[in-house]
PDB file of N, CA and C in Angstrom:
ATOM      1  N   MET A   1      67.294  94.018 111.548  1.00  0.00           N
ATOM      2  CA  MET A   1      68.643  94.528 111.168  1.00  0.00           C
ATOM      3  C   MET A   1      68.929  94.313 109.674  1.00  0.00           C
ATOM      4  N   ILE A   2      69.758  95.433 109.124  1.00  0.00           N
ATOM      5  CA  ILE A   2      70.128  95.267 107.799  1.00  0.00           C
ATOM      6  C   ILE A   2      71.656  95.134 107.770  1.00  0.00           C
ATOM      7  N   ARG A   3      72.108  94.725 106.604  1.00  0.00           N
ATOM      8  CA  ARG A   3      73.633  94.645 106.504  1.00  0.00           C
ATOM      9  C   ARG A   3      74.042  95.658 105.478  1.00  0.00           C
ATOM     10  N   ILE A   4      75.022  96.511 105.982  1.00  0.00           N
ATOM     11  CA  ILE A   4      75.570  97.507 104.811  1.00  0.00           C
ATOM     12  C   ILE A   4      77.147  97.440 104.857  1.00  0.00           C
ATOM     13  N   GLU A   5      77.680  98.090 103.920  1.00  0.00           N
ATOM     14  CA  GLU A   5      79.129  98.372 103.776  1.00  0.00           C
ATOM     15  C   GLU A   5      79.596  99.633 103.740  1.00  0.00           C
ATOM     16  N   VAL A   6      80.583  99.955 104.539  1.00  0.00           N
ATOM     17  CA  VAL A   6      81.090 101.373 104.576  1.00  0.00           C
ATOM     18  C   VAL A   6      82.475 101.293 103.825  1.00  0.00           C
ATOM     19  N   LEU A   7      82.727 102.117 102.793  1.00  0.00           N
ATOM     20  CA  LEU A   7      83.915 102.100 102.002  1.00  0.00           C
ATOM     21  C   LEU A   7      84.488 103.400 101.852  1.00  0.00           C
ATOM     22  N   TYR A   8      85.828 103.412 102.248  1.00  0.00           N
ATOM     23  CA  TYR A   8      86.665 104.667 101.916  1.00  0.00           C
ATOM     24  C   TYR A   8      87.907 104.405 101.122  1.00  0.00           C
ATOM     25  N   ALA A   9      87.922 104.879  99.825  1.00  0.00           N
ATOM     26  CA  ALA A   9      89.011 104.578  98.811  1.00  0.00           C
ATOM     27  C   ALA A   9      90.283 105.396  99.257  1.00  0.00           C
ATOM     28  N   LEU A  10      91.346 104.695  99.592  1.00  0.00           N
ATOM     29  CA  LEU A  10      92.486 105.377  99.829  1.00  0.00           C
ATOM     30  C   LEU A  10      93.306 105.470  98.464  1.00  0.00           C
ATOM     31  N   PRO A  11      94.401 106.087  98.407  1.00  0.00           N
ATOM     32  CA  PRO A  11      95.252 105.981  97.018  1.00  0.00           C
ATOM     33  C   PRO A  11      95.547 104.606  96.427  1.00  0.00           C
ATOM     34  N   LEU A  12      95.991 103.756  97.338  1.00  0.00           N
ATOM     35  CA  LEU A  12      96.390 102.576  96.803  1.00  0.00           C
ATOM     36  C   LEU A  12      95.558 101.284  97.281  1.00  0.00           C
ATOM     37  N   THR A  13      94.680 101.600  98.256  1.00  0.00           N
ATOM     38  CA  THR A  13      93.853 100.540  98.774  1.00  0.00           C
ATOM     39  C   THR A  13      92.353 100.850  99.016  1.00  0.00           C
ATOM     40  N   GLN A  14      91.490 100.050  99.199  1.00  0.00           N
ATOM     41  CA  GLN A  14      90.168 100.405  99.627  1.00  0.00           C
ATOM     42  C   GLN A  14      90.065  99.864 101.156  1.00  0.00           C
ATOM     43  N   ASP A  15      89.591 100.861 102.069  1.00  0.00           N
ATOM     44  CA  ASP A  15      89.383 100.451 103.509  1.00  0.00           C
ATOM     45  C   ASP A  15      87.850 100.321 103.475  1.00  0.00           C
ATOM     46  N   ARG A  16      87.418  99.079 103.840  1.00  0.00           N
ATOM     47  CA  ARG A  16      85.991  98.837 103.872  1.00  0.00           C
ATOM     48  C   ARG A  16      85.592  97.999 105.190  1.00  0.00           C
ATOM     49  N   CYS A  17      84.457  98.187 105.607  1.00  0.00           N
ATOM     50  CA  CYS A  17      83.942  97.355 106.809  1.00  0.00           C
ATOM     51  C   CYS A  17      82.434  97.234 106.564  1.00  0.00           C
ATOM     52  N   SER A  18      81.995  95.940 107.123  1.00  0.00           N
ATOM     53  CA  SER A  18      80.668  95.592 107.062  1.00  0.00           C
ATOM     54  C   SER A  18      80.057  95.841 108.481  1.00  0.00           C
ATOM     55  N   LEU A  19      78.859  96.225 108.380  1.00  0.00           N
ATOM     56  CA  LEU A  19      78.063  96.499 109.586  1.00  0.00           C
ATOM     57  C   LEU A  19      76.579  95.950 109.479  1.00  0.00           C
ATOM     58  N   GLU A  20      76.106  95.810 110.688  1.00  0.00           N
ATOM     59  CA  GLU A  20      74.828  95.453 110.802  1.00  0.00           C
ATOM     60  C   GLU A  20      74.130  96.434 111.608  1.00  0.00           C
ATOM     61  N   VAL A  21      73.093  97.290 110.940  1.00  0.00           N
ATOM     62  CA  VAL A  21      72.453  98.304 111.718  1.00  0.00           C
ATOM     63  C   VAL A  21      70.995  98.178 111.646  1.00  0.00           C
ATOM     64  N   ALA A  22      70.270  98.941 112.317  1.00  0.00           N
ATOM     65  CA  ALA A  22      68.863  98.890 112.504  1.00  0.00           C
ATOM     66  C   ALA A  22      68.126  99.506 111.294  1.00  0.00           C
ATOM     67  N   GLU A  23      66.946  98.968 110.903  1.00  0.00           N
ATOM     68  CA  GLU A  23      66.364  99.646 109.886  1.00  0.00           C
ATOM     69  C   GLU A  23      66.101 101.132 110.172  1.00  0.00           C
ATOM     70  N   GLY A  24      66.125 101.958 109.184  1.00  0.00           N
ATOM     71  CA  GLY A  24      65.815 103.501 109.482  1.00  0.00           C
ATOM     72  C   GLY A  24      67.165 104.255 109.725  1.00  0.00           C
ATOM     73  N   THR A  25      68.267 103.505 109.877  1.00  0.00           N
ATOM     74  CA  THR A  25      69.486 104.193 110.065  1.00  0.00           C
ATOM     75  C   THR A  25      69.945 105.157 108.986  1.00  0.00           C
ATOM     76  N   THR A  26      70.401 106.232 109.256  1.00  0.00           N
ATOM     77  CA  THR A  26      70.893 107.216 108.236  1.00  0.00           C
ATOM     78  C   THR A  26      72.249 106.962 107.668  1.00  0.00           C
ATOM     79  N   VAL A  27      72.590 107.632 106.732  1.00  0.00           N
ATOM     80  CA  VAL A  27      74.170 107.409 106.319  1.00  0.00           C
ATOM     81  C   VAL A  27      75.042 108.026 107.372  1.00  0.00           C
ATOM     82  N   ALA A  28      74.776 109.086 107.946  1.00  0.00           N
ATOM     83  CA  ALA A  28      75.697 109.800 108.831  1.00  0.00           C
ATOM     84  C   ALA A  28      75.746 108.739 110.083  1.00  0.00           C
ATOM     85  N   GLN A  29      74.573 108.192 110.566  1.00  0.00           N
ATOM     86  CA  GLN A  29      74.782 107.358 111.821  1.00  0.00           C
ATOM     87  C   GLN A  29      75.589 106.144 111.496  1.00  0.00           C
ATOM     88  N   ALA A  30      75.397 105.616 110.231  1.00  0.00           N
ATOM     89  CA  ALA A  30      76.254 104.378 109.965  1.00  0.00           C
ATOM     90  C   ALA A  30      77.755 104.777 109.892  1.00  0.00           C
ATOM     91  N   ILE A  31      78.065 105.896 109.364  1.00  0.00           N
ATOM     92  CA  ILE A  31      79.497 106.188 109.345  1.00  0.00           C
ATOM     93  C   ILE A  31      80.013 106.483 110.715  1.00  0.00           C
ATOM     94  N   ALA A  32      79.110 107.045 111.604  1.00  0.00           N
ATOM     95  CA  ALA A  32      79.727 107.185 112.903  1.00  0.00           C
ATOM     96  C   ALA A  32      79.899 105.892 113.628  1.00  0.00           C
ATOM     97  N   LEU A  33      79.175 104.695 113.242  1.00  0.00           N
ATOM     98  CA  LEU A  33      79.437 103.467 113.760  1.00  0.00           C
ATOM     99  C   LEU A  33      80.704 102.760 113.320  1.00  0.00           C
ATOM    100  N   SER A  34      81.235 103.259 112.166  1.00  0.00           N
ATOM    101  CA  SER A  34      82.312 102.691 111.337  1.00  0.00           C
ATOM    102  C   SER A  34      83.584 103.364 111.837  1.00  0.00           C
ATOM    103  N   PRO A  35      84.808 102.611 111.452  1.00  0.00           N
ATOM    104  CA  PRO A  35      86.090 103.121 111.745  1.00  0.00           C
ATOM    105  C   PRO A  35      86.391 104.241 111.122  1.00  0.00           C
ATOM    106  N   HIS A  36      85.677 104.821 110.141  1.00  0.00           N
ATOM    107  CA  HIS A  36      85.724 106.171 109.428  1.00  0.00           C
ATOM    108  C   HIS A  36      85.102 107.299 110.287  1.00  0.00           C
ATOM    109  N   ALA A  37      84.687 107.115 111.415  1.00  0.00           N
ATOM    110  CA  ALA A  37      83.955 108.132 112.157  1.00  0.00           C
ATOM    111  C   ALA A  37      84.852 109.402 112.242  1.00  0.00           C
ATOM    112  N   GLN A  38      86.081 109.459 112.334  1.00  0.00           N
ATOM    113  CA  GLN A  38      86.874 110.519 112.327  1.00  0.00           C
ATOM    114  C   GLN A  38      86.996 111.497 111.286  1.00  0.00           C
ATOM    115  N   LEU A  39      86.590 111.059 110.063  1.00  0.00           N
ATOM    116  CA  LEU A  39      86.519 111.830 108.830  1.00  0.00           C
ATOM    117  C   LEU A  39      85.616 112.955 108.884  1.00  0.00           C
ATOM    118  N   ASP A  40      86.164 114.057 108.301  1.00  0.00           N
ATOM    119  CA  ASP A  40      85.280 115.381 108.372  1.00  0.00           C
ATOM    120  C   ASP A  40      84.222 115.271 106.983  1.00  0.00           C
ATOM    121  N   LEU A  41      83.158 115.056 107.320  1.00  0.00           N
ATOM    122  CA  LEU A  41      82.139 114.748 106.283  1.00  0.00           C
ATOM    123  C   LEU A  41      81.613 116.110 105.738  1.00  0.00           C
ATOM    124  N   THR A  42      82.184 117.123 106.214  1.00  0.00           N
ATOM    125  CA  THR A  42      81.976 118.545 105.501  1.00  0.00           C
ATOM    126  C   THR A  42      82.806 118.506 104.142  1.00  0.00           C
ATOM    127  N   VAL A  43      83.959 117.879 104.222  1.00  0.00           N
ATOM    128  CA  VAL A  43      85.015 117.915 103.069  1.00  0.00           C
ATOM    129  C   VAL A  43      84.756 116.877 102.081  1.00  0.00           C
ATOM    130  N   HIS A  44      84.155 115.601 102.710  1.00  0.00           N
ATOM    131  CA  HIS A  44      84.073 114.443 101.792  1.00  0.00           C
ATOM    132  C   HIS A  44      82.432 114.333 101.234  1.00  0.00           C
ATOM    133  N   ALA A  45      82.324 114.016  99.913  1.00  0.00           N
ATOM    134  CA  ALA A  45      80.971 113.676  99.582  1.00  0.00           C
ATOM    135  C   ALA A  45      80.775 112.228  99.827  1.00  0.00           C
ATOM    136  N   VAL A  46      79.369 111.946  99.882  1.00  0.00           N
ATOM    137  CA  VAL A  46      79.075 110.525 100.255  1.00  0.00           C
ATOM    138  C   VAL A  46      78.192 109.956  99.102  1.00  0.00           C
ATOM    139  N   ALA A  47      78.348 108.629  98.754  1.00  0.00           N
ATOM    140  CA  ALA A  47      77.570 108.145  97.660  1.00  0.00           C
ATOM    141  C   ALA A  47      77.023 106.788  98.209  1.00  0.00           C
ATOM    142  N   ILE A  48      76.003 106.236  97.528  1.00  0.00           N
ATOM    143  CA  ILE A  48      75.505 104.953  97.820  1.00  0.00           C
ATOM    144  C   ILE A  48      75.458 104.292  96.497  1.00  0.00           C
ATOM    145  N   HIS A  49      76.383 103.058  96.387  1.00  0.00           N
ATOM    146  CA  HIS A  49      76.324 102.447  95.110  1.00  0.00           C
ATOM    147  C   HIS A  49      76.751 103.467  93.919  1.00  0.00           C
ATOM    148  N   GLY A  50      77.608 104.482  94.036  1.00  0.00           N
ATOM    149  CA  GLY A  50      78.077 105.511  93.124  1.00  0.00           C
ATOM    150  C   GLY A  50      77.072 106.693  92.844  1.00  0.00           C
ATOM    151  N   ARG A  51      76.031 106.728  93.702  1.00  0.00           N
ATOM    152  CA  ARG A  51      75.133 107.965  93.410  1.00  0.00           C
ATOM    153  C   ARG A  51      75.314 108.830  94.757  1.00  0.00           C
ATOM    154  N   LEU A  52      75.492 109.986  94.458  1.00  0.00           N
ATOM    155  CA  LEU A  52      75.660 110.826  95.519  1.00  0.00           C
ATOM    156  C   LEU A  52      74.482 110.931  96.304  1.00  0.00           C
ATOM    157  N   VAL A  53      74.454 110.918  97.790  1.00  0.00           N
ATOM    158  CA  VAL A  53      73.374 111.156  98.562  1.00  0.00           C
ATOM    159  C   VAL A  53      73.652 112.115  99.685  1.00  0.00           C
ATOM    160  N   SER A  54      72.682 112.504 100.443  1.00  0.00           N
ATOM    161  CA  SER A  54      73.019 113.349 101.563  1.00  0.00           C
ATOM    162  C   SER A  54      73.132 112.476 102.828  1.00  0.00           C
ATOM    163  N   LEU A  55      73.591 113.134 103.835  1.00  0.00           N
ATOM    164  CA  LEU A  55      73.883 112.435 105.106  1.00  0.00           C
ATOM    165  C   LEU A  55      72.654 111.778 105.843  1.00  0.00           C
ATOM    166  N   GLU A  56      71.525 112.475 105.388  1.00  0.00           N
ATOM    167  CA  GLU A  56      70.284 112.043 106.109  1.00  0.00           C
ATOM    168  C   GLU A  56      69.540 111.004 105.216  1.00  0.00           C
ATOM    169  N   ALA A  57      70.111 110.484 104.272  1.00  0.00           N
ATOM    170  CA  ALA A  57      69.507 109.485 103.448  1.00  0.00           C
ATOM    171  C   ALA A  57      69.375 108.163 104.296  1.00  0.00           C
ATOM    172  N   THR A  58      68.136 107.463 104.251  1.00  0.00           N
ATOM    173  CA  THR A  58      67.927 106.190 105.067  1.00  0.00           C
ATOM    174  C   THR A  58      68.576 105.051 104.225  1.00  0.00           C
ATOM    175  N   LEU A  59      69.093 104.246 104.910  1.00  0.00           N
ATOM    176  CA  LEU A  59      69.757 103.040 104.324  1.00  0.00           C
ATOM    177  C   LEU A  59      68.795 101.904 103.982  1.00  0.00           C
ATOM    178  N   ARG A  60      69.214 101.038 103.073  1.00  0.00           N
ATOM    179  CA  ARG A  60      68.449  99.835 102.935  1.00  0.00           C
ATOM    180  C   ARG A  60      69.367  98.630 102.936  1.00  0.00           C
ATOM    181  N   ASP A  61      68.842  97.444 102.856  1.00  0.00           N
ATOM    182  CA  ASP A  61      69.614  96.254 103.115  1.00  0.00           C
ATOM    183  C   ASP A  61      70.673  96.123 101.862  1.00  0.00           C
ATOM    184  N   GLN A  62      71.833  95.670 102.226  1.00  0.00           N
ATOM    185  CA  GLN A  62      72.913  95.601 101.070  1.00  0.00           C
ATOM    186  C   GLN A  62      73.530  96.823 100.505  1.00  0.00           C
ATOM    187  N   ASP A  63      73.122  98.116 101.099  1.00  0.00           N
ATOM    188  CA  ASP A  63      73.674  99.315 100.552  1.00  0.00           C
ATOM    189  C   ASP A  63      75.283  99.345 100.802  1.00  0.00           C
ATOM    190  N   ARG A  64      75.970 100.073  99.952  1.00  0.00           N
ATOM    191  CA  ARG A  64      77.412 100.255 100.067  1.00  0.00           C
ATOM    192  C   ARG A  64      77.634 101.725 100.112  1.00  0.00           C
ATOM    193  N   ILE A  65      77.869 102.285 101.306  1.00  0.00           N
ATOM    194  CA  ILE A  65      78.279 103.738 101.553  1.00  0.00           C
ATOM    195  C   ILE A  65      79.745 103.960 101.021  1.00  0.00           C
ATOM    196  N   GLU A  66      79.894 104.913 100.053  1.00  0.00           N
ATOM    197  CA  GLU A  66      81.220 105.184  99.657  1.00  0.00           C
ATOM    198  C   GLU A  66      81.623 106.588 100.040  1.00  0.00           C
ATOM    199  N   ILE A  67      82.588 106.752 100.777  1.00  0.00           N
ATOM    200  CA  ILE A  67      83.051 108.072 101.219  1.00  0.00           C
ATOM    201  C   ILE A  67      84.100 108.602 100.337  1.00  0.00           C
ATOM    202  N   LEU A  68      83.733 109.620  99.599  1.00  0.00           N
ATOM    203  CA  LEU A  68      84.569 110.048  98.419  1.00  0.00           C
ATOM    204  C   LEU A  68      85.661 111.040  98.912  1.00  0.00           C
ATOM    205  N   ARG A  69      86.806 110.939  98.589  1.00  0.00           N
ATOM    206  CA  ARG A  69      87.855 111.972  98.912  1.00  0.00           C
ATOM    207  C   ARG A  69      87.730 113.126  97.947  1.00  0.00           C
ATOM    208  N   PRO A  70      88.191 114.447  98.469  1.00  0.00           N
ATOM    209  CA  PRO A  70      88.027 115.547  97.590  1.00  0.00           C
ATOM    210  C   PRO A  70      89.063 115.306  96.371  1.00  0.00           C
ATOM    211  N   LEU A  71      88.804 116.013  95.342  1.00  0.00           N
ATOM    212  CA  LEU A  71      89.571 115.997  94.098  1.00  0.00           C
ATOM    213  C   LEU A  71      90.904 116.880  94.355  1.00  0.00           C
ATOM    214  N   ARG A  72      92.005 116.354  93.994  1.00  0.00           N
ATOM    215  CA  ARG A  72      93.293 117.067  94.165  1.00  0.00           C
ATOM    216  C   ARG A  72      93.363 118.138  93.186  1.00  0.00           C
ATOM    217  N   VAL A  73      92.839 117.886  91.854  1.00  0.00           N
ATOM    218  CA  VAL A  73      92.975 118.705  90.722  1.00  0.00           C
ATOM    219  C   VAL A  73      91.645 118.858  90.102  1.00  0.00           C
ATOM    220  N   ASP A  74      91.156 119.964  89.730  1.00  0.00           N
ATOM    221  CA  ASP A  74      89.977 120.147  88.920  1.00  0.00           C
ATOM    222  C   ASP A  74      90.111 119.469  87.694  1.00  0.00           C
ATOM    223  N   PRO A  75      88.963 118.639  87.193  1.00  0.00           N
ATOM    224  CA  PRO A  75      89.275 117.833  85.925  1.00  0.00           C
ATOM    225  C   PRO A  75      89.482 118.638  84.700  1.00  0.00           C
ATOM    226  N   LYS A  76      88.686 119.868  84.851  1.00  0.00           N
ATOM    227  CA  LYS A  76      88.891 120.858  83.677  1.00  0.00           C
ATOM    228  C   LYS A  76      90.261 121.437  83.596  1.00  0.00           C
ATOM    229  N   GLU A  77      90.860 121.809  84.609  1.00  0.00           N
ATOM    230  CA  GLU A  77      92.150 122.266  84.649  1.00  0.00           C
ATOM    231  C   GLU A  77      93.209 121.171  84.355  1.00  0.00           C
ATOM    232  N   ALA A  78      93.058 120.103  84.810  1.00  0.00           N
ATOM    233  CA  ALA A  78      93.925 118.980  84.343  1.00  0.00           C
ATOM    234  C   ALA A  78      93.853 118.740  82.867  1.00  0.00           C
ATOM    235  N   ARG A  79      92.687 118.805  82.351  1.00  0.00           N
ATOM    236  CA  ARG A  79      92.615 118.554  80.848  1.00  0.00           C
ATOM    237  C   ARG A  79      93.353 119.771  80.000  1.00  0.00           C
ATOM    238  N   ARG A  80      93.033 120.993  80.592  1.00  0.00           N
ATOM    239  CA  ARG A  80      93.706 122.135  79.849  1.00  0.00           C
ATOM    240  C   ARG A  80      95.153 122.041  79.927  1.00  0.00           C
ATOM    241  N   ARG A  81      95.615 121.394  81.182  1.00  0.00           N
ATOM    242  CA  ARG A  81      97.239 121.242  81.230  1.00  0.00           C
ATOM    243  C   ARG A  81      97.796 120.200  80.332  1.00  0.00           C
ATOM    244  N   ARG A  82      97.049 119.107  80.090  1.00  0.00           N
ATOM    245  CA  ARG A  82      97.445 118.101  79.215  1.00  0.00           C
ATOM    246  C   ARG A  82      97.434 118.609  77.823  1.00  0.00           C
ATOM    247  N   GLN A  83      96.313 119.227  77.457  1.00  0.00           N
ATOM    248  CA  GLN A  83      96.138 119.750  76.071  1.00  0.00           C
ATOM    249  C   GLN A  83      97.192 120.737  75.716  1.00  0.00           C
ATOM    250  N   SER A  84      97.514 121.807  76.611  1.00  0.00           N
ATOM    251  CA  SER A  84      98.530 122.725  76.265  1.00  0.00           C
ATOM    252  C   SER A  84      99.838 122.079  76.151  1.00  0.00           C
ATOM    253  N   HIS A  85     100.181 120.917  77.099  1.00  0.00           N
ATOM    254  CA  HIS A  85     101.559 120.365  77.056  1.00  0.00           C
ATOM    255  C   HIS A  85     101.629 119.460  75.851  1.00  0.00           C
ATOM    256  N   GLY A  86     100.477 118.959  75.330  1.00  0.00           N
ATOM    257  CA  GLY A  86     100.523 118.114  74.113  1.00  0.00           C
ATOM    258  C   GLY A  86     100.727 118.857  72.918  1.00  0.00           C
ATOM    259  N   LYS A  87     100.431 120.132  72.904  1.00  0.00           N
ATOM    260  CA  LYS A  87     100.590 121.057  71.720  1.00  0.00           C
ATOM    261  C   LYS A  87     102.037 121.424  71.492  1.00  0.00           C
ATOM    262  N   SER A  88     102.660 121.789  72.749  1.00  0.00           N
ATOM    263  CA  SER A  88     104.052 122.188  72.701  1.00  0.00           C
ATOM    264  C   SER A  88     104.916 120.977  72.345  1.00  0.00           C
ATOM    265  N   VAL A  89     104.513 119.682  72.704  1.00  0.00           N
ATOM    266  CA  VAL A  89     105.254 118.566  72.447  1.00  0.00           C
ATOM    267  C   VAL A  89     105.181 118.251  70.880  1.00  0.00           C
ATOM    268  N   ARG A  90     103.916 118.358  70.413  1.00  0.00           N
ATOM    269  CA  ARG A  90     103.697 118.194  68.876  1.00  0.00           C
ATOM    270  C   ARG A  90     104.495 119.126  68.098  1.00  0.00           C
ATOM    271  N   ARG A  91     104.537 120.415  68.546  1.00  0.00           N
ATOM    272  CA  ARG A  91     105.395 121.554  67.655  1.00  0.00           C
ATOM    273  C   ARG A  91     106.796 121.092  67.657  1.00  0.00           C
ATOM    274  N   ALA A  92     107.384 120.713  68.767  1.00  0.00           N
ATOM    275  CA  ALA A  92     108.770 120.411  68.912  1.00  0.00           C
ATOM    276  C   ALA A  92     109.129 118.997  68.040  1.00  0.00           C
ATOM    277  N   ALA A  93     108.125 118.199  67.851  1.00  0.00           N
ATOM    278  CA  ALA A  93     108.311 117.031  67.127  1.00  0.00           C
ATOM    279  C   ALA A  93     108.481 117.236  65.549  1.00  0.00           C
ATOM    280  N   ARG A  94     107.839 118.240  65.118  1.00  0.00           N
ATOM    281  CA  ARG A  94     107.844 118.551  63.576  1.00  0.00           C
ATOM    282  C   ARG A  94     109.172 119.068  63.156  1.00  0.00           C
TER     283      ARG A  94
END
């Protein structure tokens, strides 16, 4: 048996659980055993210690599975908005 952790980051907290699973368990199988089994994994990306992995990846002892929420805003679009907003503010200040 190996010990793993499944983590799902919510906006204000982190929901985490520790599990003991058999060696050779995949990421998808471990998530199915966790309280996060109801999440739609076609919408969420999954990482182990911050590195994106597939649902078929085999787990090792002390792995931390991170279920990542989809982005609400594209980072490039958010930067464009901030940049255009900043220009108008700077012009008004002059």
